[in-house]
C-alpha cells in the first residue's frame, strides 16, 4: 500500500507533464499556480493534501482532488497485487514448482504495471483527450518483455499447440494414441500467441476506425485508443482485452446517452473513450481471466 501511494504520487507528475511533453524528472514538484517548490512534508501522498486542506501553503490556491484520488487508487491497486504475491509466496513447495512460482510472480508484476499505466491513462484522457505514447507504446514493450520472461520458465509441453496427427490410430486394447504433431512448443505458444492477439486486436480496431471514417467522413476512433488496446492486449491477452473493449464501449455509450438526455452533448460531441477503455482494462485485469474462462466453459 505504501509503495502504491508513492508510485501514485509519481503518477500525478506523469499525468500533469506527459501530455504537455514535459520532463517528469525536472523541475521538482511545484504549485501550478504560483510555482512554489514543494517541501518534502508538503509532498507526502494523501496526508499532505489533507493537512493543507487541499490548498497550496504559499498562495492558498486550491489543489485538485485528483491528486489524492490517484494516489489512493494506485495504493489500493498495489495492495491487491501485494495480496496476490503474499498468497503465491505462502504456497508450499509441494503445491507449486519453482518455475510456476516465478511465472506467478511475473503475473503479479504485470498486474502492478498495467494498473499504474491504466490509472494514469484514464485520468490523462479524461483531462486532455490525449493518450501519450510514453505510456501506451512503452507499456506494450514492457508487457512483451514480461511475456518473454514468462516463456523462459514455461515447459515445452505446457500450452503447446498441436496439429492433428497423421499416424494411424489402433483400437486394440493397450494401443497407444498419438496426441498430435507439435506445431508450437509451450514457450513459442506463449510468445507468438500474445503477439497474434496484439495484431488481431490492432487490425480489428483499425478496420473499425477506417469504416467509421468512410461512413461518417470524420474521425471516430483515435490512434491513441488503438495503441491503448494494443497495450492492454500485450498485458492481459486476447480474452480479457476483448472484455475490456466491450465494457469500455458500453460505459462510454452510457455516458454519452446521459449527456444527450441532459442536453450537454450532441451527435458530434467528443468523448474520452480512452478513459472508459482504461476503466474496462482495470476491471479486466482484476476479473477478466475468471470471466473469460467462465464464458468459454459455458460455450463448450
C-alpha atoms as a PDB file:
ATOM      1  CA  UNK A   1       0.000   0.000   0.000  1.00  0.00           C
ATOM      2  CA  UNK A   2       2.760   2.473   0.941  1.00  0.00           C
ATOM      3  CA  UNK A   3       4.691   1.684  -2.240  1.00  0.00           C
ATOM      4  CA  UNK A   4       1.497   2.212  -4.221  1.00  0.00           C
ATOM      5  CA  UNK A   5       0.940   5.625  -2.642  1.00  0.00           C
ATOM      6  CA  UNK A   6       4.480   6.652  -3.591  1.00  0.00           C
ATOM      7  CA  UNK A   7       4.012   5.418  -7.147  1.00  0.00           C
ATOM      8  CA  UNK A   8       0.693   7.266  -7.205  1.00  0.00           C
ATOM      9  CA  UNK A   9       2.471  10.479  -6.283  1.00  0.00           C
ATOM     10  CA  UNK A  10       4.859   9.974  -9.199  1.00  0.00           C
ATOM     11  CA  UNK A  11       1.914   9.103 -11.425  1.00  0.00           C
ATOM     12  CA  UNK A  12       0.402  12.513 -10.681  1.00  0.00           C
ATOM     13  CA  UNK A  13       3.590  14.090 -12.037  1.00  0.00           C
ATOM     14  CA  UNK A  14       3.297  11.995 -15.206  1.00  0.00           C
ATOM     15  CA  UNK A  15      -0.359  12.960 -15.629  1.00  0.00           C
ATOM     16  CA  UNK A  16       0.433  16.664 -15.315  1.00  0.00           C
ATOM     17  CA  UNK A  17       3.504  16.718 -17.557  1.00  0.00           C
ATOM     18  CA  UNK A  18       3.452  13.974 -20.192  1.00  0.00           C
ATOM     19  CA  UNK A  19       0.511  15.357 -22.235  1.00  0.00           C
ATOM     20  CA  UNK A  20       2.500  18.610 -22.486  1.00  0.00           C
ATOM     21  CA  UNK A  21       5.701  16.736 -23.406  1.00  0.00           C
ATOM     22  CA  UNK A  22       7.486  17.982 -20.281  1.00  0.00           C
ATOM     23  CA  UNK A  23      10.097  16.096 -18.279  1.00  0.00           C
ATOM     24  CA  UNK A  24       8.841  14.052 -15.338  1.00  0.00           C
ATOM     25  CA  UNK A  25      12.235  14.393 -13.636  1.00  0.00           C
ATOM     26  CA  UNK A  26      12.861  18.124 -13.578  1.00  0.00           C
ATOM     27  CA  UNK A  27      11.880  20.541 -12.182  1.00  0.00           C
ATOM     28  CA  UNK A  28      10.809  19.354  -8.732  1.00  0.00           C
ATOM     29  CA  UNK A  29       7.138  19.219  -7.812  1.00  0.00           C
ATOM     30  CA  UNK A  30       5.715  22.719  -7.516  1.00  0.00           C
ATOM     31  CA  UNK A  31       2.450  24.610  -7.255  1.00  0.00           C
ATOM     32  CA  UNK A  32       0.889  25.058 -10.701  1.00  0.00           C
ATOM     33  CA  UNK A  33      -0.443  28.490  -9.685  1.00  0.00           C
ATOM     34  CA  UNK A  34       2.498  30.267  -8.039  1.00  0.00           C
ATOM     35  CA  UNK A  35       5.397  27.985  -8.976  1.00  0.00           C
ATOM     36  CA  UNK A  36       6.420  27.475  -5.340  1.00  0.00           C
ATOM     37  CA  UNK A  37       8.627  24.379  -4.941  1.00  0.00           C
ATOM     38  CA  UNK A  38       7.028  21.881  -2.583  1.00  0.00           C
ATOM     39  CA  UNK A  39       8.919  20.816   0.526  1.00  0.00           C
ATOM     40  CA  UNK A  40       9.052  17.103   1.275  1.00  0.00           C
ATOM     41  CA  UNK A  41       6.468  17.453   4.042  1.00  0.00           C
ATOM     42  CA  UNK A  42       4.048  19.054   1.573  1.00  0.00           C
ATOM     43  CA  UNK A  43       4.522  16.150  -0.853  1.00  0.00           C
ATOM     44  CA  UNK A  44       3.520  13.194   1.335  1.00  0.00           C
ATOM     45  CA  UNK A  45       0.845  11.224  -0.565  1.00  0.00           C
ATOM     46  CA  UNK A  46      -2.736  11.934   0.567  1.00  0.00           C
ATOM     47  CA  UNK A  47      -1.679  13.111   4.047  1.00  0.00           C
ATOM     48  CA  UNK A  48      -0.197  16.436   2.889  1.00  0.00           C
ATOM     49  CA  UNK A  49      -3.323  17.224   0.850  1.00  0.00           C
ATOM     50  CA  UNK A  50      -5.500  16.555   3.892  1.00  0.00           C
ATOM     51  CA  UNK A  51      -3.340  18.619   6.260  1.00  0.00           C
ATOM     52  CA  UNK A  52      -3.221  21.526   3.810  1.00  0.00           C
ATOM     53  CA  UNK A  53      -6.986  21.189   3.257  1.00  0.00           C
ATOM     54  CA  UNK A  54      -6.427  20.959  -0.468  1.00  0.00           C
ATOM     55  CA  UNK A  55      -4.673  24.318  -0.814  1.00  0.00           C
ATOM     56  CA  UNK A  56      -1.151  25.498  -1.600  1.00  0.00           C
ATOM     57  CA  UNK A  57       0.744  26.515   1.533  1.00  0.00           C
ATOM     58  CA  UNK A  58       2.284  29.504  -0.268  1.00  0.00           C
ATOM     59  CA  UNK A  59      -0.519  31.060  -2.337  1.00  0.00           C
ATOM     60  CA  UNK A  60      -3.635  29.405  -0.936  1.00  0.00           C
ATOM     61  CA  UNK A  61      -4.909  28.337  -4.353  1.00  0.00           C
ATOM     62  CA  UNK A  62      -6.823  25.024  -4.442  1.00  0.00           C
ATOM     63  CA  UNK A  63      -5.024  21.753  -5.217  1.00  0.00           C
ATOM     64  CA  UNK A  64      -7.310  19.452  -7.198  1.00  0.00           C
ATOM     65  CA  UNK A  65      -8.864  16.414  -5.533  1.00  0.00           C
ATOM     66  CA  UNK A  66      -7.462  14.386  -8.416  1.00  0.00           C
ATOM     67  CA  UNK A  67      -4.084  14.215  -6.652  1.00  0.00           C
ATOM     68  CA  UNK A  68      -5.140  12.263  -3.543  1.00  0.00           C
ATOM     69  CA  UNK A  69      -7.609  10.167  -5.566  1.00  0.00           C
ATOM     70  CA  UNK A  70      -4.890   8.979  -7.961  1.00  0.00           C
ATOM     71  CA  UNK A  71      -2.593   8.223  -5.039  1.00  0.00           C
ATOM     72  CA  UNK A  72      -5.322   6.264  -3.240  1.00  0.00           C
ATOM     73  CA  UNK A  73      -6.309   4.344  -6.382  1.00  0.00           C
ATOM     74  CA  UNK A  74      -2.696   3.368  -7.063  1.00  0.00           C
ATOM     75  CA  UNK A  75      -2.179   2.446  -3.419  1.00  0.00           C
ATOM     76  CA  UNK A  76      -5.227   0.177  -3.420  1.00  0.00           C
ATOM     77  CA  UNK A  77      -4.142  -1.425  -6.690  1.00  0.00           C
ATOM     78  CA  UNK A  78      -0.716  -2.189  -5.259  1.00  0.00           C
ATOM     79  CA  UNK A  79      -2.370  -3.581  -2.134  1.00  0.00           C
ATOM     80  CA  UNK A  80      -4.296  -6.025  -4.338  1.00  0.00           C
ATOM     81  CA  UNK A  81      -1.056  -7.002  -6.057  1.00  0.00           C
ATOM     82  CA  UNK A  82       0.683  -7.401  -2.711  1.00  0.00           C
ATOM     83  CA  UNK A  83      -2.084  -9.742  -1.538  1.00  0.00           C
ATOM     84  CA  UNK A  84      -1.685 -11.867  -4.678  1.00  0.00           C
ATOM     85  CA  UNK A  85       2.061 -12.048  -4.113  1.00  0.00           C
ATOM     86  CA  UNK A  86       1.618 -12.997  -0.447  1.00  0.00           C
ATOM     87  CA  UNK A  87      -0.712 -15.851  -1.411  1.00  0.00           C
ATOM     88  CA  UNK A  88       1.805 -17.039  -4.014  1.00  0.00           C
ATOM     89  CA  UNK A  89       4.722 -16.950  -1.576  1.00  0.00           C
ATOM     90  CA  UNK A  90       2.693 -18.781   1.082  1.00  0.00           C
ATOM     91  CA  UNK A  91       2.100 -21.797  -1.170  1.00  0.00           C
ATOM     92  CA  UNK A  92       4.196 -24.784  -0.016  1.00  0.00           C
ATOM     93  CA  UNK A  93       6.931 -26.140  -2.262  1.00  0.00           C
ATOM     94  CA  UNK A  94       4.926 -29.326  -2.766  1.00  0.00           C
ATOM     95  CA  UNK A  95       1.987 -27.383  -4.243  1.00  0.00           C
ATOM     96  CA  UNK A  96       3.811 -25.381  -6.893  1.00  0.00           C
ATOM     97  CA  UNK A  97       7.062 -25.725  -8.802  1.00  0.00           C
ATOM     98  CA  UNK A  98       9.753 -23.063  -8.757  1.00  0.00           C
ATOM     99  CA  UNK A  99       9.116 -22.271 -12.437  1.00  0.00           C
ATOM    100  CA  UNK A 100       5.406 -21.742 -11.834  1.00  0.00           C
ATOM    101  CA  UNK A 101       6.165 -19.621  -8.789  1.00  0.00           C
ATOM    102  CA  UNK A 102       8.345 -17.362 -10.953  1.00  0.00           C
ATOM    103  CA  UNK A 103       5.631 -17.173 -13.621  1.00  0.00           C
ATOM    104  CA  UNK A 104       3.135 -16.234 -10.905  1.00  0.00           C
ATOM    105  CA  UNK A 105       5.448 -13.510  -9.597  1.00  0.00           C
ATOM    106  CA  UNK A 106       5.766 -12.126 -13.130  1.00  0.00           C
ATOM    107  CA  UNK A 107       1.963 -12.141 -13.376  1.00  0.00           C
ATOM    108  CA  UNK A 108       1.806 -10.006 -10.225  1.00  0.00           C
ATOM    109  CA  UNK A 109       4.445  -7.643 -11.637  1.00  0.00           C
ATOM    110  CA  UNK A 110       2.421  -7.348 -14.851  1.00  0.00           C
ATOM    111  CA  UNK A 111      -0.715  -6.653 -12.780  1.00  0.00           C
ATOM    112  CA  UNK A 112       1.012  -3.814 -10.920  1.00  0.00           C
ATOM    113  CA  UNK A 113       2.464  -2.219 -14.061  1.00  0.00           C
ATOM    114  CA  UNK A 114      -0.716  -2.350 -16.129  1.00  0.00           C
ATOM    115  CA  UNK A 115      -2.686  -0.869 -13.225  1.00  0.00           C
ATOM    116  CA  UNK A 116      -0.213   2.005 -12.872  1.00  0.00           C
ATOM    117  CA  UNK A 117      -0.381   2.719 -16.613  1.00  0.00           C
ATOM    118  CA  UNK A 118      -4.155   2.425 -16.940  1.00  0.00           C
ATOM    119  CA  UNK A 119      -4.903   4.684 -13.968  1.00  0.00           C
ATOM    120  CA  UNK A 120      -2.618   7.304 -15.482  1.00  0.00           C
ATOM    121  CA  UNK A 121      -4.086   6.972 -18.982  1.00  0.00           C
ATOM    122  CA  UNK A 122      -7.633   7.096 -17.619  1.00  0.00           C
ATOM    123  CA  UNK A 123      -7.003  10.471 -15.980  1.00  0.00           C
ATOM    124  CA  UNK A 124      -4.908  11.884 -18.824  1.00  0.00           C
ATOM    125  CA  UNK A 125      -7.527  11.138 -21.470  1.00  0.00           C
ATOM    126  CA  UNK A 126     -10.312  12.491 -19.255  1.00  0.00           C
ATOM    127  CA  UNK A 127      -8.476  15.781 -18.699  1.00  0.00           C
ATOM    128  CA  UNK A 128      -6.726  16.290 -22.053  1.00  0.00           C
ATOM    129  CA  UNK A 129      -8.141  13.783 -24.606  1.00  0.00           C
ATOM    130  CA  UNK A 130      -4.560  12.561 -25.017  1.00  0.00           C
ATOM    131  CA  UNK A 131      -3.032   9.106 -24.544  1.00  0.00           C
ATOM    132  CA  UNK A 132       0.748   9.663 -24.584  1.00  0.00           C
ATOM    133  CA  UNK A 133       2.953   7.156 -26.410  1.00  0.00           C
ATOM    134  CA  UNK A 134       5.265   7.283 -23.395  1.00  0.00           C
ATOM    135  CA  UNK A 135       2.647   5.171 -21.613  1.00  0.00           C
ATOM    136  CA  UNK A 136       0.971   3.173 -24.401  1.00  0.00           C
ATOM    137  CA  UNK A 137       3.942   2.184 -26.562  1.00  0.00           C
ATOM    138  CA  UNK A 138       6.365   1.873 -23.650  1.00  0.00           C
ATOM    139  CA  UNK A 139       3.775  -0.208 -21.824  1.00  0.00           C
ATOM    140  CA  UNK A 140       3.439  -2.534 -24.816  1.00  0.00           C
ATOM    141  CA  UNK A 141       7.222  -3.018 -24.898  1.00  0.00           C
ATOM    142  CA  UNK A 142       7.320  -3.748 -21.145  1.00  0.00           C
ATOM    143  CA  UNK A 143       4.483  -6.265 -21.473  1.00  0.00           C
ATOM    144  CA  UNK A 144       6.293  -8.020 -24.335  1.00  0.00           C
ATOM    145  CA  UNK A 145       9.419  -8.293 -22.185  1.00  0.00           C
ATOM    146  CA  UNK A 146       7.461  -9.755 -19.257  1.00  0.00           C
ATOM    147  CA  UNK A 147       5.768 -12.311 -21.548  1.00  0.00           C
ATOM    148  CA  UNK A 148       9.153 -13.364 -22.935  1.00  0.00           C
ATOM    149  CA  UNK A 149      10.427 -13.809 -19.370  1.00  0.00           C
ATOM    150  CA  UNK A 150       7.412 -15.984 -18.581  1.00  0.00           C
ATOM    151  CA  UNK A 151       8.091 -18.048 -21.688  1.00  0.00           C
ATOM    152  CA  UNK A 152      11.569 -18.866 -20.373  1.00  0.00           C
ATOM    153  CA  UNK A 153      10.021 -20.633 -17.376  1.00  0.00           C
ATOM    154  CA  UNK A 154       7.222 -22.322 -19.358  1.00  0.00           C
ATOM    155  CA  UNK A 155       7.663 -26.040 -20.014  1.00  0.00           C
ATOM    156  CA  UNK A 156       7.848 -27.219 -23.610  1.00  0.00           C
ATOM    157  CA  UNK A 157       4.675 -29.297 -23.195  1.00  0.00           C
ATOM    158  CA  UNK A 158       2.648 -26.585 -21.435  1.00  0.00           C
ATOM    159  CA  UNK A 159       0.208 -24.660 -23.622  1.00  0.00           C
ATOM    160  CA  UNK A 160       1.796 -26.195 -26.715  1.00  0.00           C
ATOM    161  CA  UNK A 161      -0.118 -26.060 -29.998  1.00  0.00           C
ATOM    162  CA  UNK A 162      -0.662 -29.388 -31.735  1.00  0.00           C
ATOM    163  CA  UNK A 163      -1.609 -30.218 -35.293  1.00  0.00           C
ATOM    164  CA  UNK A 164      -3.785 -33.268 -35.955  1.00  0.00           C
ATOM    165  CA  UNK A 165      -1.695 -36.431 -36.008  1.00  0.00           C
ATOM    166  CA  UNK A 166      -1.229 -38.143 -39.359  1.00  0.00           C
ATOM    167  CA  UNK A 167      -0.498 -41.550 -37.888  1.00  0.00           C
ATOM    168  CA  UNK A 168      -2.950 -44.444 -37.843  1.00  0.00           C
ATOM    169  CA  UNK A 169      -4.711 -44.948 -34.516  1.00  0.00           C
ATOM    170  CA  UNK A 170      -5.212 -48.592 -33.425  1.00  0.00           C
ATOM    171  CA  UNK A 171      -8.299 -49.514 -31.475  1.00  0.00           C
ATOM    172  CA  UNK A 172      -6.876 -52.650 -29.873  1.00  0.00           C
ATOM    173  CA  UNK A 173      -6.534 -52.749 -26.100  1.00  0.00           C
ATOM    174  CA  UNK A 174      -3.333 -51.176 -24.880  1.00  0.00           C
ATOM    175  CA  UNK A 175      -2.578 -49.458 -28.188  1.00  0.00           C
ATOM    176  CA  UNK A 176      -1.105 -46.018 -27.828  1.00  0.00           C
ATOM    177  CA  UNK A 177      -2.585 -42.837 -29.269  1.00  0.00           C
ATOM    178  CA  UNK A 178      -0.613 -40.050 -30.885  1.00  0.00           C
ATOM    179  CA  UNK A 179      -1.783 -36.756 -29.394  1.00  0.00           C
ATOM    180  CA  UNK A 180      -0.728 -34.838 -32.480  1.00  0.00           C
ATOM    181  CA  UNK A 181       2.239 -33.221 -34.134  1.00  0.00           C
ATOM    182  CA  UNK A 182       3.851 -30.350 -32.271  1.00  0.00           C
ATOM    183  CA  UNK A 183       3.387 -27.057 -34.106  1.00  0.00           C
ATOM    184  CA  UNK A 184       4.430 -24.667 -31.330  1.00  0.00           C
ATOM    185  CA  UNK A 185       6.110 -25.655 -28.093  1.00  0.00           C
ATOM    186  CA  UNK A 186       4.958 -24.112 -24.824  1.00  0.00           C
ATOM    187  CA  UNK A 187       7.303 -21.091 -24.825  1.00  0.00           C
ATOM    188  CA  UNK A 188       6.651 -20.441 -28.510  1.00  0.00           C
ATOM    189  CA  UNK A 189       2.890 -20.609 -27.959  1.00  0.00           C
ATOM    190  CA  UNK A 190       3.101 -18.113 -25.084  1.00  0.00           C
ATOM    191  CA  UNK A 191       5.084 -15.547 -27.093  1.00  0.00           C
ATOM    192  CA  UNK A 192       3.502 -15.954 -30.522  1.00  0.00           C
ATOM    193  CA  UNK A 193       0.027 -16.361 -29.059  1.00  0.00           C
ATOM    194  CA  UNK A 194       0.290 -12.987 -27.339  1.00  0.00           C
ATOM    195  CA  UNK A 195       1.784 -11.405 -30.476  1.00  0.00           C
ATOM    196  CA  UNK A 196      -1.079 -12.774 -32.582  1.00  0.00           C
ATOM    197  CA  UNK A 197      -3.584 -11.352 -30.080  1.00  0.00           C
ATOM    198  CA  UNK A 198      -1.990  -7.894 -30.313  1.00  0.00           C
ATOM    199  CA  UNK A 199      -2.073  -7.984 -34.110  1.00  0.00           C
ATOM    200  CA  UNK A 200      -5.686  -9.213 -34.159  1.00  0.00           C
ATOM    201  CA  UNK A 201      -6.986  -6.508 -31.814  1.00  0.00           C
ATOM    202  CA  UNK A 202      -4.991  -3.780 -33.592  1.00  0.00           C
ATOM    203  CA  UNK A 203      -6.227  -4.798 -37.054  1.00  0.00           C
ATOM    204  CA  UNK A 204      -9.809  -5.031 -35.756  1.00  0.00           C
ATOM    205  CA  UNK A 205      -9.751  -1.520 -34.319  1.00  0.00           C
ATOM    206  CA  UNK A 206      -8.014  -0.043 -37.367  1.00  0.00           C
ATOM    207  CA  UNK A 207     -10.704  -1.595 -39.551  1.00  0.00           C
ATOM    208  CA  UNK A 208     -13.435  -0.109 -37.337  1.00  0.00           C
ATOM    209  CA  UNK A 209     -11.668   3.254 -37.463  1.00  0.00           C
ATOM    210  CA  UNK A 210     -11.428   3.163 -41.273  1.00  0.00           C
ATOM    211  CA  UNK A 211     -15.065   2.075 -41.672  1.00  0.00           C
ATOM    212  CA  UNK A 212     -16.318   4.861 -39.398  1.00  0.00           C
ATOM    213  CA  UNK A 213     -14.305   7.469 -41.272  1.00  0.00           C
ATOM    214  CA  UNK A 214     -15.615   6.125 -44.595  1.00  0.00           C
ATOM    215  CA  UNK A 215     -19.243   6.302 -43.483  1.00  0.00           C
ATOM    216  CA  UNK A 216     -19.228   9.467 -41.327  1.00  0.00           C
ATOM    217  CA  UNK A 217     -16.440  11.386 -43.105  1.00  0.00           C
ATOM    218  CA  UNK A 218     -14.748  12.210 -39.790  1.00  0.00           C
ATOM    219  CA  UNK A 219     -12.629  10.589 -37.134  1.00  0.00           C
ATOM    220  CA  UNK A 220     -14.445   8.408 -34.637  1.00  0.00           C
ATOM    221  CA  UNK A 221     -11.634   6.412 -33.071  1.00  0.00           C
ATOM    222  CA  UNK A 222      -8.232   7.915 -32.352  1.00  0.00           C
ATOM    223  CA  UNK A 223      -4.946   6.125 -32.903  1.00  0.00           C
ATOM    224  CA  UNK A 224      -4.260   6.618 -29.208  1.00  0.00           C
ATOM    225  CA  UNK A 225      -7.223   4.364 -28.430  1.00  0.00           C
ATOM    226  CA  UNK A 226      -5.833   1.726 -30.792  1.00  0.00           C
ATOM    227  CA  UNK A 227      -2.427   1.883 -29.088  1.00  0.00           C
ATOM    228  CA  UNK A 228      -4.122   1.677 -25.691  1.00  0.00           C
ATOM    229  CA  UNK A 229      -5.949  -1.509 -26.688  1.00  0.00           C
ATOM    230  CA  UNK A 230      -2.731  -2.981 -28.104  1.00  0.00           C
ATOM    231  CA  UNK A 231      -1.026  -2.292 -24.772  1.00  0.00           C
ATOM    232  CA  UNK A 232      -3.848  -3.892 -22.801  1.00  0.00           C
ATOM    233  CA  UNK A 233      -3.755  -6.956 -25.058  1.00  0.00           C
ATOM    234  CA  UNK A 234       0.008  -7.245 -24.559  1.00  0.00           C
ATOM    235  CA  UNK A 235      -0.509  -7.352 -20.796  1.00  0.00           C
ATOM    236  CA  UNK A 236      -3.813  -9.231 -20.489  1.00  0.00           C
ATOM    237  CA  UNK A 237      -4.139 -11.445 -23.548  1.00  0.00           C
ATOM    238  CA  UNK A 238      -6.940 -11.685 -26.089  1.00  0.00           C
ATOM    239  CA  UNK A 239      -9.928 -12.674 -23.942  1.00  0.00           C
ATOM    240  CA  UNK A 240      -9.581 -10.112 -21.143  1.00  0.00           C
ATOM    241  CA  UNK A 241      -8.705  -7.337 -23.609  1.00  0.00           C
ATOM    242  CA  UNK A 242     -11.874  -8.014 -25.625  1.00  0.00           C
ATOM    243  CA  UNK A 243     -13.805  -7.901 -22.357  1.00  0.00           C
ATOM    244  CA  UNK A 244     -12.144  -4.538 -21.597  1.00  0.00           C
ATOM    245  CA  UNK A 245     -13.146  -3.266 -25.041  1.00  0.00           C
ATOM    246  CA  UNK A 246     -16.758  -4.379 -24.549  1.00  0.00           C
ATOM    247  CA  UNK A 247     -17.012  -2.836 -21.069  1.00  0.00           C
ATOM    248  CA  UNK A 248     -15.279   0.382 -22.161  1.00  0.00           C
ATOM    249  CA  UNK A 249     -17.542   0.927 -25.172  1.00  0.00           C
ATOM    250  CA  UNK A 250     -20.617   0.105 -23.070  1.00  0.00           C
ATOM    251  CA  UNK A 251     -19.632   2.609 -20.380  1.00  0.00           C
ATOM    252  CA  UNK A 252     -18.790   5.303 -22.941  1.00  0.00           C
ATOM    253  CA  UNK A 253     -22.140   4.770 -24.675  1.00  0.00           C
ATOM    254  CA  UNK A 254     -23.993   5.061 -21.369  1.00  0.00           C
ATOM    255  CA  UNK A 255     -22.115   8.245 -20.526  1.00  0.00           C
ATOM    256  CA  UNK A 256     -22.924   9.672 -23.955  1.00  0.00           C
ATOM    257  CA  UNK A 257     -26.629   8.897 -23.530  1.00  0.00           C
ATOM    258  CA  UNK A 258     -26.666  10.642 -20.138  1.00  0.00           C
ATOM    259  CA  UNK A 259     -25.038  13.738 -21.670  1.00  0.00           C
ATOM    260  CA  UNK A 260     -27.570  13.747 -24.514  1.00  0.00           C
ATOM    261  CA  UNK A 261     -30.521  13.463 -22.128  1.00  0.00           C
ATOM    262  CA  UNK A 262     -29.165  16.340 -20.058  1.00  0.00           C
ATOM    263  CA  UNK A 263     -28.642  18.479 -23.150  1.00  0.00           C
ATOM    264  CA  UNK A 264     -24.895  18.695 -22.607  1.00  0.00           C
ATOM    265  CA  UNK A 265     -23.849  16.913 -25.805  1.00  0.00           C
ATOM    266  CA  UNK A 266     -24.755  16.472 -29.436  1.00  0.00           C
ATOM    267  CA  UNK A 267     -24.166  13.883 -32.106  1.00  0.00           C
ATOM    268  CA  UNK A 268     -20.654  15.185 -32.778  1.00  0.00           C
ATOM    269  CA  UNK A 269     -19.551  15.656 -29.150  1.00  0.00           C
ATOM    270  CA  UNK A 270     -16.156  14.147 -28.451  1.00  0.00           C
ATOM    271  CA  UNK A 271     -15.960  11.630 -25.608  1.00  0.00           C
ATOM    272  CA  UNK A 272     -12.836  10.476 -23.746  1.00  0.00           C
ATOM    273  CA  UNK A 273     -13.205   6.887 -24.957  1.00  0.00           C
ATOM    274  CA  UNK A 274      -9.714   6.046 -23.731  1.00  0.00           C
ATOM    275  CA  UNK A 275     -10.768   6.744 -20.151  1.00  0.00           C
ATOM    276  CA  UNK A 276     -13.592   4.218 -20.391  1.00  0.00           C
ATOM    277  CA  UNK A 277     -11.363   1.682 -22.156  1.00  0.00           C
ATOM    278  CA  UNK A 278      -8.790   2.095 -19.379  1.00  0.00           C
ATOM    279  CA  UNK A 279     -11.508   1.560 -16.758  1.00  0.00           C
ATOM    280  CA  UNK A 280     -12.585  -1.547 -18.624  1.00  0.00           C
ATOM    281  CA  UNK A 281      -8.946  -2.642 -18.663  1.00  0.00           C
ATOM    282  CA  UNK A 282      -8.664  -2.251 -14.895  1.00  0.00           C
ATOM    283  CA  UNK A 283     -11.764  -4.390 -14.405  1.00  0.00           C
ATOM    284  CA  UNK A 284     -10.446  -6.954 -16.906  1.00  0.00           C
ATOM    285  CA  UNK A 285      -7.050  -7.071 -15.194  1.00  0.00           C
ATOM    286  CA  UNK A 286      -8.776  -7.866 -11.911  1.00  0.00           C
ATOM    287  CA  UNK A 287     -11.607 -10.142 -13.071  1.00  0.00           C
ATOM    288  CA  UNK A 288     -11.058 -10.727 -16.797  1.00  0.00           C
ATOM    289  CA  UNK A 289      -9.431 -14.161 -16.691  1.00  0.00           C
ATOM    290  CA  UNK A 290     -12.154 -15.551 -14.428  1.00  0.00           C
ATOM    291  CA  UNK A 291     -14.942 -14.070 -16.560  1.00  0.00           C
ATOM    292  CA  UNK A 292     -13.352 -15.252 -19.819  1.00  0.00           C
ATOM    293  CA  UNK A 293     -12.777 -18.787 -18.538  1.00  0.00           C
ATOM    294  CA  UNK A 294     -16.377 -18.966 -17.317  1.00  0.00           C
ATOM    295  CA  UNK A 295     -17.629 -17.728 -20.675  1.00  0.00           C
ATOM    296  CA  UNK A 296     -15.574 -20.214 -22.700  1.00  0.00           C
ATOM    297  CA  UNK A 297     -16.602 -23.049 -20.365  1.00  0.00           C
ATOM    298  CA  UNK A 298     -20.265 -22.094 -20.874  1.00  0.00           C
ATOM    299  CA  UNK A 299     -19.839 -22.299 -24.656  1.00  0.00           C
ATOM    300  CA  UNK A 300     -18.387 -25.803 -24.510  1.00  0.00           C
END
